[in-house]
C-alpha atoms as a PDB file:
ATOM      1  CA  MET A   1      -0.024   0.234   0.100  1.00  0.00           C
ATOM      2  CA  LYS A   2       1.399   3.307  -1.069  1.00  0.00           C
ATOM      3  CA  ASP A   3       0.906   6.396   0.768  1.00  0.00           C
ATOM      4  CA  ASN A   4       2.294   9.834   0.457  1.00  0.00           C
ATOM      5  CA  LEU A   5       3.348  10.471   3.691  1.00  0.00           C
ATOM      6  CA  PRO A   6       6.602  12.454   4.288  1.00  0.00           C
ATOM      7  CA  ARG A   7       9.387   9.996   5.800  1.00  0.00           C
ATOM      8  CA  TYR A   8      11.636  11.011   8.494  1.00  0.00           C
ATOM      9  CA  THR A   9      14.209   8.977  10.175  1.00  0.00           C
ATOM     10  CA  LEU A  10      14.221   8.905  13.859  1.00  0.00           C
ATOM     11  CA  ARG A  11      17.675   8.215  16.390  1.00  0.00           C
ATOM     12  CA  ILE A  12      16.925   7.498  19.487  1.00  0.00           C
ATOM     13  CA  PRO A  13      18.281   5.287  22.293  1.00  0.00           C
ATOM     14  CA  GLN A  14      17.334   2.276  22.066  1.00  0.00           C
ATOM     15  CA  LEU A  15      16.131   1.965  26.478  1.00  0.00           C
ATOM     16  CA  LEU A  16      14.024   4.768  25.247  1.00  0.00           C
ATOM     17  CA  LEU A  17      12.839   3.454  21.788  1.00  0.00           C
ATOM     18  CA  ASP A  18      12.068   0.028  24.196  1.00  0.00           C
ATOM     19  CA  LYS A  19      10.176   1.694  26.598  1.00  0.00           C
ATOM     20  CA  LEU A  20       8.003   3.444  23.368  1.00  0.00           C
ATOM     21  CA  GLY A  21       6.832   0.345  22.000  1.00  0.00           C
ATOM     22  CA  PHE A  22       6.019  -0.723  26.008  1.00  0.00           C
ATOM     23  CA  ILE A  23       3.724   2.181  26.240  1.00  0.00           C
ATOM     24  CA  ALA A  24       2.107   1.877  22.471  1.00  0.00           C
ATOM     25  CA  GLU A  25       1.562  -1.523  22.816  1.00  0.00           C
ATOM     26  CA  TYR A  26       0.039  -0.788  26.093  1.00  0.00           C
ATOM     27  CA  GLU A  27      -2.190   2.019  24.396  1.00  0.00           C
ATOM     28  CA  GLY A  28      -3.168  -0.826  21.334  1.00  0.00           C
ATOM     29  CA  ARG A  29      -0.764   1.453  18.953  1.00  0.00           C
ATOM     30  CA  THR A  30       1.891   0.854  16.946  1.00  0.00           C
ATOM     31  CA  LYS A  31       5.315   2.795  18.016  1.00  0.00           C
ATOM     32  CA  ASN A  32       5.197   5.171  14.908  1.00  0.00           C
ATOM     33  CA  LYS A  33       0.910   6.388  15.853  1.00  0.00           C
ATOM     34  CA  GLU A  34       2.470   6.647  19.643  1.00  0.00           C
ATOM     35  CA  ILE A  35       4.844   9.085  18.342  1.00  0.00           C
ATOM     36  CA  GLU A  36       2.366  10.758  16.186  1.00  0.00           C
ATOM     37  CA  GLN A  37      -0.100  11.337  19.239  1.00  0.00           C
ATOM     38  CA  LEU A  38       2.935  12.523  21.302  1.00  0.00           C
ATOM     39  CA  ILE A  39       3.602  15.178  18.483  1.00  0.00           C
ATOM     40  CA  LYS A  40       0.295  16.110  17.654  1.00  0.00           C
ATOM     41  CA  ARG A  41      -0.190  16.682  21.434  1.00  0.00           C
ATOM     42  CA  ARG A  42       2.462  19.146  21.597  1.00  0.00           C
ATOM     43  CA  VAL A  43       1.633  20.951  18.748  1.00  0.00           C
ATOM     44  CA  ASP A  44      -1.784  21.281  20.764  1.00  0.00           C
ATOM     45  CA  GLU A  45      -0.499  22.588  23.710  1.00  0.00           C
ATOM     46  CA  PHE A  46       2.114  24.871  21.720  1.00  0.00           C
ATOM     47  CA  GLU A  47      -0.282  26.784  19.489  1.00  0.00           C
ATOM     48  CA  GLU A  48      -2.999  26.913  22.694  1.00  0.00           C
ATOM     49  CA  ILE A  49      -0.191  29.407  24.049  1.00  0.00           C
ATOM     50  CA  HIS A  50       1.054  31.047  21.056  1.00  0.00           C
ATOM     51  CA  GLY A  51      -1.582  30.872  18.272  1.00  0.00           C
ATOM     52  CA  LYS A  52      -2.219  28.909  15.187  1.00  0.00           C
ATOM     53  CA  ILE A  53       1.059  27.732  13.176  1.00  0.00           C
ATOM     54  CA  LYS A  54       0.881  28.778   9.807  1.00  0.00           C
ATOM     55  CA  THR A  55       2.249  26.222   7.506  1.00  0.00           C
ATOM     56  CA  GLY A  56       3.297  26.609   3.425  1.00  0.00           C
ATOM     57  CA  GLY A  57       1.089  23.292   3.226  1.00  0.00           C
ATOM     58  CA  SER A  58      -2.373  22.801   3.685  1.00  0.00           C
ATOM     59  CA  GLU A  59      -4.065  23.035   7.132  1.00  0.00           C
ATOM     60  CA  THR A  60      -5.956  19.960   8.144  1.00  0.00           C
ATOM     61  CA  ASP A  61      -6.489  19.075  11.503  1.00  0.00           C
ATOM     62  CA  ASP A  62      -5.774  15.271  11.130  1.00  0.00           C
END
């Protein structure tokens, strides 16, 4: 299945990756989806304080 999502390589210590994997499994998510949820939460927190972030791309609330 091909998608149009950009790819990003994350370098992270193995211990932290293992702990993230534990949390993701506990929550019923993949590690990728768990990271996505964490990023979304942080962006929401930032925008709450500083206002909406304007990007050059299309604005979606995914």
